[in-house]
N, C-alpha and C. Protein backbone atom coordinates (compact mmCIF):
# COMPACT_ATOMS: atom_id res chain seq x y z
N MET A 1 0.47 -1.09 -0.19
CA MET A 1 -0.26 0.17 -0.59
C MET A 1 0.85 1.86 0.52
N LYS A 2 0.65 2.24 -0.32
CA LYS A 2 1.36 3.54 -0.87
C LYS A 2 1.42 4.85 -0.07
N SER A 3 1.92 5.43 1.07
CA SER A 3 1.67 5.93 1.27
C SER A 3 1.46 7.29 1.38
N ALA A 4 0.07 7.69 1.26
CA ALA A 4 0.15 9.45 0.90
C ALA A 4 1.12 10.29 1.44
N GLU A 5 1.49 10.90 0.29
CA GLU A 5 2.47 12.05 0.73
C GLU A 5 1.52 13.61 0.97
N PRO A 6 2.34 13.99 2.12
CA PRO A 6 2.10 15.37 2.80
C PRO A 6 1.76 16.46 0.67
N PRO A 7 0.51 17.49 0.60
CA PRO A 7 0.91 18.26 0.02
C PRO A 7 2.06 19.35 0.11
N LYS A 8 1.80 19.54 -0.99
CA LYS A 8 3.02 20.58 -1.23
C LYS A 8 2.75 21.75 -1.30
N VAL A 9 3.56 22.17 0.02
CA VAL A 9 2.49 24.31 0.06
C VAL A 9 3.36 24.52 -0.63
N GLN A 10 2.72 25.69 -1.49
CA GLN A 10 3.30 27.12 -1.85
C GLN A 10 3.61 27.81 -0.87
N GLN A 11 4.76 28.38 -0.66
CA GLN A 11 4.74 29.72 -0.30
C GLN A 11 5.06 31.05 -0.57
N ASP A 12 4.41 31.69 -0.06
CA ASP A 12 3.87 32.81 -0.57
C ASP A 12 5.17 33.84 -0.22
N LYS A 13 6.96 34.42 -1.20
CA LYS A 13 7.66 34.79 -0.35
C LYS A 13 7.33 35.97 0.74
N ASP A 14 6.47 37.04 0.20
CA ASP A 14 6.35 38.13 1.50
C ASP A 14 6.37 37.57 2.30
N ALA A 15 5.20 36.19 2.62
CA ALA A 15 4.97 35.62 3.89
C ALA A 15 6.30 35.06 4.62
N ALA A 16 7.08 35.02 3.51
CA ALA A 16 8.17 33.84 4.64
C ALA A 16 8.61 34.90 4.94
N LEU A 17 9.07 36.36 3.88
CA LEU A 17 10.17 37.30 4.82
C LEU A 17 9.42 37.79 5.55
N LYS A 18 7.83 38.00 6.13
CA LYS A 18 6.93 38.31 7.79
C LYS A 18 7.90 37.51 8.70
N THR A 19 8.46 36.73 8.44
CA THR A 19 8.69 35.43 9.91
C THR A 19 9.86 35.86 9.76
N LEU A 20 10.81 37.24 9.24
CA LEU A 20 11.71 38.05 10.10
C LEU A 20 12.30 39.06 10.63
N LEU A 21 10.65 39.13 11.36
CA LEU A 21 10.15 41.39 11.43
C LEU A 21 9.91 40.92 13.02
N ILE A 22 10.42 40.10 13.38
CA ILE A 22 10.22 39.64 14.46
C ILE A 22 11.80 39.17 15.17
N ALA A 23 11.79 40.03 16.74
CA ALA A 23 13.16 39.75 17.13
C ALA A 23 13.55 39.66 18.73
N ALA A 24 14.45 38.78 18.98
CA ALA A 24 14.33 38.36 19.97
C ALA A 24 13.49 40.29 20.86
N ASP A 25 13.34 40.08 22.36
CA ASP A 25 13.41 41.05 22.69
C ASP A 25 14.43 41.46 23.64
N ARG A 26 15.25 41.02 23.90
CA ARG A 26 16.37 40.61 24.99
C ARG A 26 18.43 40.53 24.77
N SER A 27 18.84 41.31 24.82
CA SER A 27 20.85 40.65 24.11
C SER A 27 21.43 40.73 25.62
N CYS A 28 22.57 39.61 25.65
CA CYS A 28 23.03 39.67 26.38
C CYS A 28 24.58 39.78 25.80
N VAL A 29 25.95 40.91 26.54
CA VAL A 29 26.71 40.35 25.69
C VAL A 29 28.06 40.82 26.90
N PRO A 30 29.29 40.68 26.47
CA PRO A 30 30.05 40.48 27.38
C PRO A 30 29.92 41.75 28.34
N CYS A 31 31.03 42.11 29.38
CA CYS A 31 31.08 43.51 29.71
C CYS A 31 31.55 44.30 29.35
N THR A 32 32.47 44.56 27.92
CA THR A 32 33.31 45.16 28.15
C THR A 32 32.95 45.29 26.58
N PRO A 33 31.26 46.41 25.79
CA PRO A 33 31.22 46.42 25.03
C PRO A 33 31.92 48.11 24.61
N SER A 34 32.35 48.63 23.43
CA SER A 34 33.03 50.31 23.15
C SER A 34 31.38 50.94 23.90
N HIS A 35 31.35 52.09 23.87
CA HIS A 35 30.52 52.60 24.35
C HIS A 35 29.55 53.28 23.24
N THR A 36 29.68 53.36 21.48
CA THR A 36 28.57 53.13 20.38
C THR A 36 27.53 52.11 20.61
N ASP A 37 28.69 51.36 20.77
CA ASP A 37 28.17 49.70 20.62
C ASP A 37 26.81 49.57 21.81
N LEU A 38 27.26 50.27 23.63
CA LEU A 38 26.62 50.79 24.71
C LEU A 38 25.83 50.70 23.61
N GLU A 39 25.66 52.11 23.03
CA GLU A 39 24.47 53.45 22.97
C GLU A 39 23.59 52.77 21.90
N SER A 40 23.76 51.79 20.65
CA SER A 40 22.89 50.76 19.90
C SER A 40 22.20 50.58 20.41
N ILE A 41 23.18 49.68 21.78
CA ILE A 41 21.68 48.34 22.40
C ILE A 41 20.91 49.37 23.34
N ARG A 42 21.18 49.84 23.64
CA ARG A 42 20.65 50.76 24.54
C ARG A 42 19.21 51.60 24.29
N ARG A 43 19.19 51.66 22.88
CA ARG A 43 17.92 52.53 21.68
C ARG A 43 17.19 50.65 21.49
N GLU A 44 17.69 50.25 21.49
CA GLU A 44 16.52 48.76 21.30
C GLU A 44 16.37 48.43 22.64
N TYR A 45 16.84 48.43 23.40
CA TYR A 45 16.07 46.99 24.36
C TYR A 45 16.94 48.39 26.39
N PRO A 46 16.25 49.21 26.30
CA PRO A 46 16.74 50.28 27.18
C PRO A 46 16.75 49.80 28.73
N THR A 47 16.74 48.49 29.54
CA THR A 47 16.24 48.05 30.71
C THR A 47 17.58 47.41 30.46
N LEU A 48 18.83 47.13 31.54
CA LEU A 48 19.69 46.91 31.27
C LEU A 48 20.10 45.89 33.25
N LEU A 49 20.43 44.95 33.18
CA LEU A 49 20.55 44.31 33.93
C LEU A 49 22.42 43.72 33.94
N HIS A 50 22.79 43.36 34.94
CA HIS A 50 24.42 42.78 35.20
C HIS A 50 24.32 41.67 35.79
N LEU A 51 24.63 40.60 35.31
CA LEU A 51 24.15 39.37 35.86
C LEU A 51 25.34 38.77 37.04
N ASP A 52 25.37 37.72 37.11
CA ASP A 52 26.81 37.52 38.25
C ASP A 52 27.69 36.54 37.60
N ASP A 53 27.40 36.75 36.33
CA ASP A 53 28.72 36.25 35.77
C ASP A 53 29.76 36.67 34.79
N GLY A 54 29.33 38.51 35.15
CA GLY A 54 29.20 39.78 34.32
C GLY A 54 29.53 39.94 33.35
N SER A 55 28.07 39.69 32.48
CA SER A 55 28.08 39.86 31.34
C SER A 55 26.35 41.13 31.49
N LEU A 56 26.17 41.21 30.82
CA LEU A 56 25.38 42.97 30.63
C LEU A 56 23.87 41.47 30.01
N TRP A 57 23.16 42.30 30.36
CA TRP A 57 21.53 41.87 29.31
C TRP A 57 20.66 42.84 29.22
N PHE A 58 20.15 43.05 28.58
CA PHE A 58 19.84 44.24 27.87
C PHE A 58 18.39 43.87 27.53
N SER A 59 17.21 44.29 28.22
CA SER A 59 16.30 43.88 27.53
C SER A 59 14.52 44.57 26.81
N ARG A 60 13.82 44.48 26.36
CA ARG A 60 12.85 46.06 25.97
C ARG A 60 12.04 45.22 27.17
N LEU A 61 11.58 44.76 28.31
CA LEU A 61 10.46 44.14 29.03
C LEU A 61 11.65 46.04 30.47
N PRO A 62 10.02 46.52 30.88
CA PRO A 62 10.32 47.47 31.88
C PRO A 62 11.19 46.50 32.76
N GLU A 63 11.96 47.33 33.43
CA GLU A 63 12.70 47.61 34.65
C GLU A 63 11.86 47.45 35.67
N GLY A 64 12.43 46.25 36.50
CA GLY A 64 11.84 45.51 37.48
C GLY A 64 11.18 44.37 37.82
N ASP A 65 10.46 44.57 36.20
CA ASP A 65 10.05 42.92 35.53
C ASP A 65 11.08 41.72 36.51
N ASN A 66 9.71 41.07 37.34
CA ASN A 66 10.46 39.75 37.20
C ASN A 66 10.24 38.74 36.02
N ARG A 67 11.04 38.63 35.49
CA ARG A 67 10.86 37.72 34.04
C ARG A 67 11.94 38.10 33.34
N ILE A 68 12.56 39.55 34.01
CA ILE A 68 13.81 39.66 32.43
C ILE A 68 14.78 38.71 33.48
N ALA A 69 15.61 38.49 32.15
CA ALA A 69 16.97 37.72 32.38
C ALA A 69 16.54 35.65 33.02
N THR A 70 15.60 35.72 32.00
CA THR A 70 15.12 34.77 32.93
C THR A 70 14.28 33.11 31.63
N ASP A 71 13.71 32.25 31.89
CA ASP A 71 14.04 31.08 31.16
C ASP A 71 12.32 32.12 30.10
N TYR A 72 12.25 32.56 31.27
CA TYR A 72 10.96 33.11 30.11
C TYR A 72 11.12 33.74 29.66
N GLU A 73 11.44 35.19 29.71
CA GLU A 73 12.03 35.64 29.01
C GLU A 73 12.52 35.16 27.44
N SER A 74 13.03 34.57 27.59
CA SER A 74 14.39 34.07 26.67
C SER A 74 13.23 33.06 25.80
N ALA A 75 12.07 32.46 26.14
CA ALA A 75 11.20 31.50 24.92
C ALA A 75 10.78 32.46 24.24
N TYR A 76 9.76 33.90 25.92
CA TYR A 76 8.46 34.19 24.79
C TYR A 76 8.76 35.37 24.70
N GLY A 77 10.20 36.34 24.96
CA GLY A 77 10.15 37.19 24.80
C GLY A 77 10.68 38.07 23.30
N TRP A 78 9.59 38.27 22.87
CA TRP A 78 9.84 38.61 21.62
C TRP A 78 8.92 39.68 20.84
N TYR A 79 9.16 41.05 19.52
CA TYR A 79 8.48 41.63 19.49
C TYR A 79 8.86 42.11 18.11
N VAL A 80 7.87 42.57 17.78
CA VAL A 80 8.46 43.30 16.20
C VAL A 80 8.72 44.45 15.44
N PRO A 81 10.40 45.11 15.45
CA PRO A 81 10.76 45.71 15.23
C PRO A 81 10.47 46.93 13.98
N GLY A 82 10.71 48.13 14.55
CA GLY A 82 9.60 48.79 13.41
C GLY A 82 8.84 49.39 13.56
N ASP A 83 7.76 48.92 12.10
CA ASP A 83 6.98 48.99 12.37
C ASP A 83 5.55 47.98 12.32
N PRO A 84 5.19 47.39 13.25
CA PRO A 84 4.04 46.00 13.58
C PRO A 84 2.94 45.39 12.55
N LYS A 85 2.57 46.61 11.73
CA LYS A 85 1.11 46.64 11.13
C LYS A 85 1.88 45.96 10.26
N GLU A 86 4.10 46.02 9.99
CA GLU A 86 4.12 45.07 8.73
C GLU A 86 4.10 43.66 8.52
N ALA A 87 4.34 43.20 9.57
CA ALA A 87 4.33 42.21 10.05
C ALA A 87 2.48 41.64 9.84
N LEU A 88 1.65 42.00 10.09
CA LEU A 88 0.60 41.23 9.81
C LEU A 88 0.10 41.30 8.79
N SER A 89 -0.36 39.81 9.21
CA SER A 89 -1.00 39.46 7.38
C SER A 89 -2.59 40.16 7.20
N ALA A 90 -3.10 39.91 8.80
CA ALA A 90 -4.99 40.07 9.02
C ALA A 90 -4.73 39.91 10.34
N VAL A 91 -5.56 40.89 10.30
CA VAL A 91 -6.09 40.83 11.61
C VAL A 91 -8.33 40.41 11.69
N ILE A 92 -8.17 38.77 12.72
CA ILE A 92 -9.79 38.65 12.71
C ILE A 92 -9.73 38.82 14.22
N LEU A 93 -11.69 40.14 14.09
CA LEU A 93 -11.89 39.64 15.87
C LEU A 93 -13.41 38.55 15.28
N CYS A 94 -13.74 37.83 16.40
CA CYS A 94 -14.35 37.47 16.60
C CYS A 94 -15.46 37.97 18.06
N CYS A 95 -16.36 37.80 17.10
CA CYS A 95 -17.26 38.01 18.67
C CYS A 95 -18.73 37.79 17.56
N ARG A 96 -20.32 38.36 19.19
CA ARG A 96 -21.17 38.69 19.56
C ARG A 96 -21.66 39.27 18.49
N PRO A 97 -22.62 39.24 17.70
CA PRO A 97 -23.73 40.25 17.17
C PRO A 97 -23.72 41.29 17.96
N GLU A 98 -23.74 41.63 19.42
CA GLU A 98 -24.28 42.25 20.35
C GLU A 98 -23.38 43.17 20.17
N ASP A 99 -21.67 42.22 20.06
CA ASP A 99 -20.64 43.39 20.91
C ASP A 99 -19.24 43.55 19.29
N ARG A 100 -20.75 44.15 18.33
CA ARG A 100 -19.75 44.32 17.37
C ARG A 100 -19.38 45.57 16.69
N GLY A 101 -20.16 46.68 18.28
CA GLY A 101 -19.77 47.97 18.64
C GLY A 101 -18.44 47.69 19.24
N VAL A 102 -17.57 47.68 19.70
CA VAL A 102 -16.69 46.80 20.18
C VAL A 102 -15.58 46.29 18.78
N ALA A 103 -16.20 45.35 18.25
CA ALA A 103 -14.81 45.36 17.56
C ALA A 103 -15.25 46.84 16.94
N ARG A 104 -15.52 46.72 16.71
CA ARG A 104 -15.30 48.42 14.85
C ARG A 104 -14.40 49.55 16.05
N ASP A 105 -14.26 49.46 17.14
CA ASP A 105 -13.90 50.38 18.58
C ASP A 105 -12.72 49.16 18.08
N TYR A 106 -12.07 48.33 18.04
CA TYR A 106 -10.85 48.10 18.10
C TYR A 106 -9.89 48.08 16.53
N ILE A 107 -11.06 48.38 15.29
CA ILE A 107 -10.34 48.13 14.78
C ILE A 107 -9.88 49.47 14.03
N GLU A 108 -11.24 50.14 14.30
CA GLU A 108 -10.66 52.52 14.49
C GLU A 108 -9.41 52.25 15.08
N ARG A 109 -9.55 52.01 16.57
CA ARG A 109 -8.40 52.49 17.54
C ARG A 109 -7.40 51.62 16.56
N PHE A 110 -6.79 51.05 15.77
CA PHE A 110 -6.03 49.90 15.38
C PHE A 110 -5.39 50.98 13.66
N ASN A 111 -6.93 50.96 12.56
CA ASN A 111 -6.77 52.43 12.02
C ASN A 111 -5.69 53.09 12.55
N ALA A 112 -5.90 53.83 12.90
CA ALA A 112 -5.66 55.08 14.26
C ALA A 112 -3.99 54.70 14.46
N LEU A 113 -3.21 53.92 14.98
CA LEU A 113 -1.82 53.85 15.41
C LEU A 113 -1.07 54.48 14.04
N PRO A 114 -0.59 54.86 14.27
CA PRO A 114 0.97 55.18 13.76
C PRO A 114 1.09 54.26 12.84
N SER A 115 1.16 54.51 11.70
CA SER A 115 2.61 53.66 10.43
C SER A 115 3.75 53.68 11.05
N GLU A 116 5.03 53.55 10.21
CA GLU A 116 5.61 54.17 9.50
C GLU A 116 6.02 53.99 7.91
N ARG A 117 5.30 54.27 6.74
CA ARG A 117 4.59 54.27 6.67
C ARG A 117 3.90 55.83 6.45
N SER A 118 3.43 55.81 7.80
CA SER A 118 2.99 57.72 7.37
C SER A 118 4.27 58.36 6.95
């Protein structure tokens, strides 16, 4: 008996590139970055934590957040740099008919967000 082959998936080039639009929300570097490197990193990752091993942990999480430099941040700490709207293929809102007004409000708020292209 011949086994069924999985269907071939055609991947849209743009969709494939969109996966590159996320970045880690943290960076760990040795304790000797140059001043220029340090400024560049701090612009992207404003929260700094000095680790026991002498390295520096930079994060986008707010200072005092107990998830900084944890396994949780390493596993789930991702963000969309630049224009987050660019990374979206679609926004789907599911609601009860009586909540359509709330859904419309969310869509209007989303559309009002500034875009890097604006």
